[in-house]
Amino acid sequence: MIRFEVTEEPSQGFDGERFMHVPGRGLFHGTMGASGDIQIGEDRLRSIMASARAPEALSHALDKALGTAWDAELEPYRYAGDGAPVTLLTRVG
């Protein structure tokens, strides 16, 4: 099972992008602002607000638009710090 995250850092005049993939969820793509946060465009946000029939539905739709589930599943694989070994690829047999 392949899990991955690819991030293009934002640069002056350009938003960044984040791609995340976890088995069973598929691929998530989001636009990243200068602070590293996922950005939701105005039209998409208006669409989410218009289609949500209850507060729980709005919360669920926003979590999906932000990639919350993908982020949570990938978090255990993110570890970096001074002196920490870097694992570029893991093979599970």
PDB file of N, CA and C in Angstrom:
ATOM      1  N   MET A   1       0.840  -1.171   0.000  1.00  0.00           N
ATOM      2  CA  MET A   1       0.000   0.000   0.000  1.00  0.00           C
ATOM      3  C   MET A   1       0.890   1.241   0.000  1.00  0.00           C
ATOM      4  N   ILE A   2       0.654   2.105  -0.934  1.00  0.00           N
ATOM      5  CA  ILE A   2       1.472   3.304  -1.061  1.00  0.00           C
ATOM      6  C   ILE A   2       0.753   4.495  -0.440  1.00  0.00           C
ATOM      7  N   ARG A   3       1.484   5.211   0.403  1.00  0.00           N
ATOM      8  CA  ARG A   3       1.022   6.465   0.986  1.00  0.00           C
ATOM      9  C   ARG A   3       2.067   7.513   0.613  1.00  0.00           C
ATOM     10  N   PHE A   4       1.615   8.692   0.237  1.00  0.00           N
ATOM     11  CA  PHE A   4       2.593   9.733  -0.047  1.00  0.00           C
ATOM     12  C   PHE A   4       1.991  11.115   0.101  1.00  0.00           C
ATOM     13  N   GLU A   5       2.901  12.057   0.231  1.00  0.00           N
ATOM     14  CA  GLU A   5       2.555  13.473   0.278  1.00  0.00           C
ATOM     15  C   GLU A   5       3.622  14.215  -0.506  1.00  0.00           C
ATOM     16  N   VAL A   6       3.182  15.046  -1.427  1.00  0.00           N
ATOM     17  CA  VAL A   6       4.094  15.872  -2.213  1.00  0.00           C
ATOM     18  C   VAL A   6       3.641  17.304  -2.050  1.00  0.00           C
ATOM     19  N   THR A   7       4.582  18.169  -1.677  1.00  0.00           N
ATOM     20  CA  THR A   7       4.251  19.570  -1.449  1.00  0.00           C
ATOM     21  C   THR A   7       5.129  20.454  -2.314  1.00  0.00           C
ATOM     22  N   GLU A   8       4.489  21.354  -3.035  1.00  0.00           N
ATOM     23  CA  GLU A   8       5.208  22.399  -3.755  1.00  0.00           C
ATOM     24  C   GLU A   8       5.049  23.657  -2.918  1.00  0.00           C
ATOM     25  N   GLU A   9       6.144  24.170  -2.424  1.00  0.00           N
ATOM     26  CA  GLU A   9       6.102  25.354  -1.577  1.00  0.00           C
ATOM     27  C   GLU A   9       5.647  26.571  -2.388  1.00  0.00           C
ATOM     28  N   PRO A  10       4.861  27.455  -1.761  1.00  0.00           N
ATOM     29  CA  PRO A  10       4.472  28.682  -2.450  1.00  0.00           C
ATOM     30  C   PRO A  10       5.691  29.590  -2.660  1.00  0.00           C
ATOM     31  N   SER A  11       5.634  30.378  -3.692  1.00  0.00           N
ATOM     32  CA  SER A  11       6.702  31.347  -3.947  1.00  0.00           C
ATOM     33  C   SER A  11       6.042  32.690  -4.270  1.00  0.00           C
ATOM     34  N   GLN A  12       6.830  33.710  -4.362  1.00  0.00           N
ATOM     35  CA  GLN A  12       6.286  35.043  -4.578  1.00  0.00           C
ATOM     36  C   GLN A  12       5.398  35.072  -5.826  1.00  0.00           C
ATOM     37  N   GLY A  13       4.124  35.400  -5.617  1.00  0.00           N
ATOM     38  CA  GLY A  13       3.177  35.491  -6.723  1.00  0.00           C
ATOM     39  C   GLY A  13       2.515  34.180  -7.110  1.00  0.00           C
ATOM     40  N   PHE A  14       2.884  33.069  -6.453  1.00  0.00           N
ATOM     41  CA  PHE A  14       2.335  31.767  -6.814  1.00  0.00           C
ATOM     42  C   PHE A  14       1.947  30.994  -5.561  1.00  0.00           C
ATOM     43  N   ASP A  15       0.760  30.398  -5.592  1.00  0.00           N
ATOM     44  CA  ASP A  15       0.349  29.519  -4.506  1.00  0.00           C
ATOM     45  C   ASP A  15       1.094  28.204  -4.634  1.00  0.00           C
ATOM     46  N   GLY A  16       1.210  27.506  -3.525  1.00  0.00           N
ATOM     47  CA  GLY A  16       1.793  26.178  -3.551  1.00  0.00           C
ATOM     48  C   GLY A  16       0.700  25.140  -3.727  1.00  0.00           C
ATOM     49  N   GLU A  17       1.092  23.879  -3.762  1.00  0.00           N
ATOM     50  CA  GLU A  17       0.130  22.791  -3.904  1.00  0.00           C
ATOM     51  C   GLU A  17       0.539  21.645  -2.993  1.00  0.00           C
ATOM     52  N   ARG A  18      -0.447  20.904  -2.549  1.00  0.00           N
ATOM     53  CA  ARG A  18      -0.180  19.695  -1.761  1.00  0.00           C
ATOM     54  C   ARG A  18      -1.005  18.559  -2.351  1.00  0.00           C
ATOM     55  N   PHE A  19      -0.333  17.449  -2.585  1.00  0.00           N
ATOM     56  CA  PHE A  19      -0.977  16.225  -3.038  1.00  0.00           C
ATOM     57  C   PHE A  19      -0.770  15.189  -1.948  1.00  0.00           C
ATOM     58  N   MET A  20      -1.839  14.530  -1.534  1.00  0.00           N
ATOM     59  CA  MET A  20      -1.743  13.468  -0.534  1.00  0.00           C
ATOM     60  C   MET A  20      -2.518  12.258  -1.045  1.00  0.00           C
ATOM     61  N   HIS A  21      -1.939  11.075  -0.823  1.00  0.00           N
ATOM     62  CA  HIS A  21      -2.611   9.842  -1.210  1.00  0.00           C
ATOM     63  C   HIS A  21      -2.500   8.843  -0.077  1.00  0.00           C
ATOM     64  N   VAL A  22      -3.624   8.245   0.276  1.00  0.00           N
ATOM     65  CA  VAL A  22      -3.643   7.127   1.223  1.00  0.00           C
ATOM     66  C   VAL A  22      -4.578   6.064   0.663  1.00  0.00           C
ATOM     67  N   PRO A  23      -4.243   4.792   0.875  1.00  0.00           N
ATOM     68  CA  PRO A  23      -5.099   3.712   0.381  1.00  0.00           C
ATOM     69  C   PRO A  23      -6.521   3.838   0.937  1.00  0.00           C
ATOM     70  N   GLY A  24      -7.478   3.599   0.083  1.00  0.00           N
ATOM     71  CA  GLY A  24      -8.880   3.656   0.493  1.00  0.00           C
ATOM     72  C   GLY A  24      -9.492   5.037   0.400  1.00  0.00           C
ATOM     73  N   ARG A  25      -8.684   6.073   0.317  1.00  0.00           N
ATOM     74  CA  ARG A  25      -9.188   7.444   0.194  1.00  0.00           C
ATOM     75  C   ARG A  25      -8.910   8.040  -1.172  1.00  0.00           C
ATOM     76  N   GLY A  26      -7.862   7.567  -1.810  1.00  0.00           N
ATOM     77  CA  GLY A  26      -7.504   8.136  -3.096  1.00  0.00           C
ATOM     78  C   GLY A  26      -6.624   9.361  -2.942  1.00  0.00           C
ATOM     79  N   LEU A  27      -6.667  10.215  -3.946  1.00  0.00           N
ATOM     80  CA  LEU A  27      -5.785  11.370  -4.025  1.00  0.00           C
ATOM     81  C   LEU A  27      -6.496  12.634  -3.567  1.00  0.00           C
ATOM     82  N   PHE A  28      -5.823  13.436  -2.772  1.00  0.00           N
ATOM     83  CA  PHE A  28      -6.309  14.749  -2.370  1.00  0.00           C
ATOM     84  C   PHE A  28      -5.365  15.782  -2.961  1.00  0.00           C
ATOM     85  N   HIS A  29      -5.939  16.851  -3.471  1.00  0.00           N
ATOM     86  CA  HIS A  29      -5.146  17.968  -3.982  1.00  0.00           C
ATOM     87  C   HIS A  29      -5.679  19.243  -3.358  1.00  0.00           C
ATOM     88  N   GLY A  30      -4.791  20.053  -2.841  1.00  0.00           N
ATOM     89  CA  GLY A  30      -5.196  21.336  -2.276  1.00  0.00           C
ATOM     90  C   GLY A  30      -4.186  22.410  -2.609  1.00  0.00           C
ATOM     91  N   THR A  31      -4.666  23.638  -2.645  1.00  0.00           N
ATOM     92  CA  THR A  31      -3.812  24.800  -2.869  1.00  0.00           C
ATOM     93  C   THR A  31      -3.307  25.279  -1.518  1.00  0.00           C
ATOM     94  N   MET A  32      -2.016  25.615  -1.450  1.00  0.00           N
ATOM     95  CA  MET A  32      -1.409  26.078  -0.206  1.00  0.00           C
ATOM     96  C   MET A  32      -1.063  27.551  -0.300  1.00  0.00           C
ATOM     97  N   GLY A  33      -1.372  28.266   0.766  1.00  0.00           N
ATOM     98  CA  GLY A  33      -0.991  29.667   0.859  1.00  0.00           C
ATOM     99  C   GLY A  33       0.430  29.799   1.387  1.00  0.00           C
ATOM    100  N   ALA A  34       0.875  31.034   1.525  1.00  0.00           N
ATOM    101  CA  ALA A  34       2.245  31.321   1.961  1.00  0.00           C
ATOM    102  C   ALA A  34       2.554  30.760   3.347  1.00  0.00           C
ATOM    103  N   SER A  35       1.546  30.625   4.205  1.00  0.00           N
ATOM    104  CA  SER A  35       1.768  30.117   5.560  1.00  0.00           C
ATOM    105  C   SER A  35       1.741  28.592   5.625  1.00  0.00           C
ATOM    106  N   GLY A  36       1.470  27.925   4.496  1.00  0.00           N
ATOM    107  CA  GLY A  36       1.428  26.466   4.467  1.00  0.00           C
ATOM    108  C   GLY A  36       0.053  25.885   4.717  1.00  0.00           C
ATOM    109  N   ASP A  37      -0.946  26.737   4.866  1.00  0.00           N
ATOM    110  CA  ASP A  37      -2.316  26.273   5.095  1.00  0.00           C
ATOM    111  C   ASP A  37      -3.008  25.966   3.777  1.00  0.00           C
ATOM    112  N   ILE A  38      -3.898  24.974   3.798  1.00  0.00           N
ATOM    113  CA  ILE A  38      -4.728  24.681   2.634  1.00  0.00           C
ATOM    114  C   ILE A  38      -5.707  25.836   2.450  1.00  0.00           C
ATOM    115  N   GLN A  39      -5.842  26.307   1.232  1.00  0.00           N
ATOM    116  CA  GLN A  39      -6.729  27.414   0.909  1.00  0.00           C
ATOM    117  C   GLN A  39      -7.972  26.890   0.189  1.00  0.00           C
ATOM    118  N   ILE A  40      -9.136  27.389   0.578  1.00  0.00           N
ATOM    119  CA  ILE A  40     -10.388  27.039  -0.093  1.00  0.00           C
ATOM    120  C   ILE A  40     -10.871  28.296  -0.808  1.00  0.00           C
ATOM    121  N   GLY A  41     -11.049  28.213  -2.112  1.00  0.00           N
ATOM    122  CA  GLY A  41     -11.479  29.354  -2.897  1.00  0.00           C
ATOM    123  C   GLY A  41     -12.909  29.783  -2.579  1.00  0.00           C
ATOM    124  N   GLU A  42     -13.203  31.018  -2.891  1.00  0.00           N
ATOM    125  CA  GLU A  42     -14.519  31.590  -2.588  1.00  0.00           C
ATOM    126  C   GLU A  42     -15.660  30.808  -3.231  1.00  0.00           C
ATOM    127  N   ASP A  43     -15.552  30.465  -4.498  1.00  0.00           N
ATOM    128  CA  ASP A  43     -16.632  29.733  -5.172  1.00  0.00           C
ATOM    129  C   ASP A  43     -16.859  28.360  -4.542  1.00  0.00           C
ATOM    130  N   ARG A  44     -15.775  27.682  -4.218  1.00  0.00           N
ATOM    131  CA  ARG A  44     -15.912  26.355  -3.597  1.00  0.00           C
ATOM    132  C   ARG A  44     -16.526  26.481  -2.208  1.00  0.00           C
ATOM    133  N   LEU A  45     -16.112  27.485  -1.461  1.00  0.00           N
ATOM    134  CA  LEU A  45     -16.663  27.704  -0.128  1.00  0.00           C
ATOM    135  C   LEU A  45     -18.151  28.033  -0.192  1.00  0.00           C
ATOM    136  N   ARG A  46     -18.537  28.865  -1.146  1.00  0.00           N
ATOM    137  CA  ARG A  46     -19.967  29.192  -1.315  1.00  0.00           C
ATOM    138  C   ARG A  46     -20.774  27.947  -1.678  1.00  0.00           C
ATOM    139  N   SER A  47     -20.219  27.101  -2.530  1.00  0.00           N
ATOM    140  CA  SER A  47     -20.893  25.864  -2.911  1.00  0.00           C
ATOM    141  C   SER A  47     -21.074  24.936  -1.709  1.00  0.00           C
ATOM    142  N   ILE A  48     -20.040  24.814  -0.904  1.00  0.00           N
ATOM    143  CA  ILE A  48     -20.121  23.982   0.306  1.00  0.00           C
ATOM    144  C   ILE A  48     -21.198  24.522   1.237  1.00  0.00           C
ATOM    145  N   MET A  49     -21.219  25.825   1.443  1.00  0.00           N
ATOM    146  CA  MET A  49     -22.200  26.440   2.336  1.00  0.00           C
ATOM    147  C   MET A  49     -23.625  26.254   1.811  1.00  0.00           C
ATOM    148  N   ALA A  50     -23.801  26.372   0.506  1.00  0.00           N
ATOM    149  CA  ALA A  50     -25.137  26.250  -0.087  1.00  0.00           C
ATOM    150  C   ALA A  50     -25.666  24.824  -0.027  1.00  0.00           C
ATOM    151  N   SER A  51     -24.778  23.839  -0.117  1.00  0.00           N
ATOM    152  CA  SER A  51     -25.235  22.453  -0.167  1.00  0.00           C
ATOM    153  C   SER A  51     -25.372  21.806   1.207  1.00  0.00           C
ATOM    154  N   ALA A  52     -24.784  22.407   2.232  1.00  0.00           N
ATOM    155  CA  ALA A  52     -24.853  21.818   3.582  1.00  0.00           C
ATOM    156  C   ALA A  52     -26.228  22.067   4.180  1.00  0.00           C
ATOM    157  N   ARG A  53     -26.893  21.000   4.583  1.00  0.00           N
ATOM    158  CA  ARG A  53     -28.247  21.097   5.135  1.00  0.00           C
ATOM    159  C   ARG A  53     -28.250  21.186   6.660  1.00  0.00           C
ATOM    160  N   ALA A  54     -27.140  20.844   7.277  1.00  0.00           N
ATOM    161  CA  ALA A  54     -27.061  20.848   8.745  1.00  0.00           C
ATOM    162  C   ALA A  54     -25.626  21.200   9.144  1.00  0.00           C
ATOM    163  N   PRO A  55     -25.422  21.654  10.379  1.00  0.00           N
ATOM    164  CA  PRO A  55     -24.063  21.992  10.821  1.00  0.00           C
ATOM    165  C   PRO A  55     -23.072  20.840  10.668  1.00  0.00           C
ATOM    166  N   GLU A  56     -23.535  19.606  10.910  1.00  0.00           N
ATOM    167  CA  GLU A  56     -22.648  18.448  10.772  1.00  0.00           C
ATOM    168  C   GLU A  56     -22.218  18.259   9.322  1.00  0.00           C
ATOM    169  N   ALA A  57     -23.148  18.519   8.400  1.00  0.00           N
ATOM    170  CA  ALA A  57     -22.827  18.390   6.975  1.00  0.00           C
ATOM    171  C   ALA A  57     -21.813  19.452   6.557  1.00  0.00           C
ATOM    172  N   LEU A  58     -21.961  20.664   7.083  1.00  0.00           N
ATOM    173  CA  LEU A  58     -21.011  21.736   6.780  1.00  0.00           C
ATOM    174  C   LEU A  58     -19.625  21.372   7.313  1.00  0.00           C
ATOM    175  N   SER A  59     -19.568  20.886   8.539  1.00  0.00           N
ATOM    176  CA  SER A  59     -18.305  20.487   9.147  1.00  0.00           C
ATOM    177  C   SER A  59     -17.633  19.378   8.345  1.00  0.00           C
ATOM    178  N   HIS A  60     -18.412  18.373   7.939  1.00  0.00           N
ATOM    179  CA  HIS A  60     -17.881  17.257   7.154  1.00  0.00           C
ATOM    180  C   HIS A  60     -17.343  17.748   5.804  1.00  0.00           C
ATOM    181  N   ALA A  61     -18.102  18.609   5.128  1.00  0.00           N
ATOM    182  CA  ALA A  61     -17.690  19.121   3.820  1.00  0.00           C
ATOM    183  C   ALA A  61     -16.419  19.968   3.923  1.00  0.00           C
ATOM    184  N   LEU A  62     -16.299  20.767   4.982  1.00  0.00           N
ATOM    185  CA  LEU A  62     -15.094  21.569   5.170  1.00  0.00           C
ATOM    186  C   LEU A  62     -13.891  20.683   5.482  1.00  0.00           C
ATOM    187  N   ASP A  63     -14.090  19.661   6.309  1.00  0.00           N
ATOM    188  CA  ASP A  63     -13.001  18.718   6.595  1.00  0.00           C
ATOM    189  C   ASP A  63     -12.516  18.039   5.319  1.00  0.00           C
ATOM    190  N   LYS A  64     -13.450  17.669   4.462  1.00  0.00           N
ATOM    191  CA  LYS A  64     -13.083  17.028   3.198  1.00  0.00           C
ATOM    192  C   LYS A  64     -12.316  18.002   2.302  1.00  0.00           C
ATOM    193  N   ALA A  65     -12.792  19.244   2.219  1.00  0.00           N
ATOM    194  CA  ALA A  65     -12.140  20.247   1.380  1.00  0.00           C
ATOM    195  C   ALA A  65     -10.738  20.584   1.880  1.00  0.00           C
ATOM    196  N   LEU A  66     -10.515  20.454   3.180  1.00  0.00           N
ATOM    197  CA  LEU A  66      -9.208  20.738   3.772  1.00  0.00           C
ATOM    198  C   LEU A  66      -8.283  19.516   3.790  1.00  0.00           C
ATOM    199  N   GLY A  67      -8.815  18.341   3.448  1.00  0.00           N
ATOM    200  CA  GLY A  67      -8.010  17.124   3.433  1.00  0.00           C
ATOM    201  C   GLY A  67      -7.687  16.608   4.819  1.00  0.00           C
ATOM    202  N   THR A  68      -8.576  16.859   5.773  1.00  0.00           N
ATOM    203  CA  THR A  68      -8.341  16.505   7.172  1.00  0.00           C
ATOM    204  C   THR A  68      -8.084  15.008   7.362  1.00  0.00           C
ATOM    205  N   ALA A  69      -8.864  14.164   6.723  1.00  0.00           N
ATOM    206  CA  ALA A  69      -8.701  12.714   6.894  1.00  0.00           C
ATOM    207  C   ALA A  69      -7.370  12.237   6.312  1.00  0.00           C
ATOM    208  N   TRP A  70      -6.980  12.762   5.163  1.00  0.00           N
ATOM    209  CA  TRP A  70      -5.701  12.396   4.550  1.00  0.00           C
ATOM    210  C   TRP A  70      -4.559  12.838   5.468  1.00  0.00           C
ATOM    211  N   ASP A  71      -4.664  14.060   5.956  1.00  0.00           N
ATOM    212  CA  ASP A  71      -3.652  14.625   6.841  1.00  0.00           C
ATOM    213  C   ASP A  71      -3.489  13.771   8.097  1.00  0.00           C
ATOM    214  N   ALA A  72      -4.604  13.368   8.703  1.00  0.00           N
ATOM    215  CA  ALA A  72      -4.561  12.557   9.923  1.00  0.00           C
ATOM    216  C   ALA A  72      -3.916  11.190   9.667  1.00  0.00           C
ATOM    217  N   GLU A  73      -4.215  10.582   8.524  1.00  0.00           N
ATOM    218  CA  GLU A  73      -3.646   9.261   8.227  1.00  0.00           C
ATOM    219  C   GLU A  73      -2.158   9.328   7.902  1.00  0.00           C
ATOM    220  N   LEU A  74      -1.699  10.456   7.366  1.00  0.00           N
ATOM    221  CA  LEU A  74      -0.283  10.590   7.033  1.00  0.00           C
ATOM    222  C   LEU A  74       0.565  11.071   8.204  1.00  0.00           C
ATOM    223  N   GLU A  75      -0.054  11.646   9.215  1.00  0.00           N
ATOM    224  CA  GLU A  75       0.693  12.229  10.339  1.00  0.00           C
ATOM    225  C   GLU A  75       1.682  11.266  10.996  1.00  0.00           C
ATOM    226  N   PRO A  76       1.314   9.989  11.224  1.00  0.00           N
ATOM    227  CA  PRO A  76       2.295   9.084  11.856  1.00  0.00           C
ATOM    228  C   PRO A  76       3.571   8.882  11.034  1.00  0.00           C
ATOM    229  N   TYR A  77       3.521   9.174   9.748  1.00  0.00           N
ATOM    230  CA  TYR A  77       4.689   8.983   8.884  1.00  0.00           C
ATOM    231  C   TYR A  77       5.556  10.235   8.809  1.00  0.00           C
ATOM    232  N   ARG A  78       5.100  11.319   9.375  1.00  0.00           N
ATOM    233  CA  ARG A  78       5.851  12.571   9.353  1.00  0.00           C
ATOM    234  C   ARG A  78       6.664  12.677  10.631  1.00  0.00           C
ATOM    235  N   TYR A  79       7.947  12.624  10.469  1.00  0.00           N
ATOM    236  CA  TYR A  79       8.809  12.817  11.617  1.00  0.00           C
ATOM    237  C   TYR A  79      10.107  13.408  11.110  1.00  0.00           C
ATOM    238  N   ALA A  80      10.438  14.544  11.621  1.00  0.00           N
ATOM    239  CA  ALA A  80      11.704  15.169  11.240  1.00  0.00           C
ATOM    240  C   ALA A  80      12.191  15.996  12.417  1.00  0.00           C
ATOM    241  N   GLY A  81      13.438  16.043  12.584  1.00  0.00           N
ATOM    242  CA  GLY A  81      14.033  16.844  13.641  1.00  0.00           C
ATOM    243  C   GLY A  81      15.536  16.760  13.535  1.00  0.00           C
ATOM    244  N   ASP A  82      16.209  17.582  14.270  1.00  0.00           N
ATOM    245  CA  ASP A  82      17.668  17.561  14.251  1.00  0.00           C
ATOM    246  C   ASP A  82      18.172  16.188  14.665  1.00  0.00           C
ATOM    247  N   GLY A  83      18.972  15.606  13.823  1.00  0.00           N
ATOM    248  CA  GLY A  83      19.567  14.314  14.136  1.00  0.00           C
ATOM    249  C   GLY A  83      18.679  13.123  13.863  1.00  0.00           C
ATOM    250  N   ALA A  84      17.436  13.361  13.461  1.00  0.00           N
ATOM    251  CA  ALA A  84      16.521  12.246  13.181  1.00  0.00           C
ATOM    252  C   ALA A  84      16.901  11.617  11.847  1.00  0.00           C
ATOM    253  N   PRO A  85      16.894  10.277  11.786  1.00  0.00           N
ATOM    254  CA  PRO A  85      17.181   9.642  10.504  1.00  0.00           C
ATOM    255  C   PRO A  85      16.028   9.903   9.527  1.00  0.00           C
ATOM    256  N   VAL A  86      16.383  10.022   8.277  1.00  0.00           N
ATOM    257  CA  VAL A  86      15.376  10.273   7.236  1.00  0.00           C
ATOM    258  C   VAL A  86      15.122   8.968   6.510  1.00  0.00           C
ATOM    259  N   THR A  87      13.869   8.574   6.436  1.00  0.00           N
ATOM    260  CA  THR A  87      13.473   7.385   5.696  1.00  0.00           C
ATOM    261  C   THR A  87      12.766   7.841   4.434  1.00  0.00           C
ATOM    262  N   LEU A  88      13.368   7.600   3.306  1.00  0.00           N
ATOM    263  CA  LEU A  88      12.782   8.037   2.048  1.00  0.00           C
ATOM    264  C   LEU A  88      11.788   7.033   1.503  1.00  0.00           C
ATOM    265  N   LEU A  89      11.979   5.778   1.786  1.00  0.00           N
ATOM    266  CA  LEU A  89      11.103   4.754   1.242  1.00  0.00           C
ATOM    267  C   LEU A  89      11.024   3.599   2.226  1.00  0.00           C
ATOM    268  N   THR A  90       9.839   3.113   2.449  1.00  0.00           N
ATOM    269  CA  THR A  90       9.646   1.989   3.355  1.00  0.00           C
ATOM    270  C   THR A  90       9.092   0.818   2.561  1.00  0.00           C
ATOM    271  N   ARG A  91       9.692  -0.327   2.738  1.00  0.00           N
ATOM    272  CA  ARG A  91       9.209  -1.516   2.058  1.00  0.00           C
ATOM    273  C   ARG A  91       8.554  -2.432   3.095  1.00  0.00           C
ATOM    274  N   VAL A  92       7.301  -2.741   2.860  1.00  0.00           N
ATOM    275  CA  VAL A  92       6.568  -3.624   3.760  1.00  0.00           C
ATOM    276  C   VAL A  92       6.359  -4.927   3.019  1.00  0.00           C
ATOM    277  N   GLY A  93       6.830  -6.005   3.597  1.00  0.00           N
ATOM    278  CA  GLY A  93       6.797  -7.280   2.905  1.00  0.00           C
ATOM    279  C   GLY A  93       5.697  -8.074   3.285  1.00  0.00           C
TER     280      GLY A  93
END
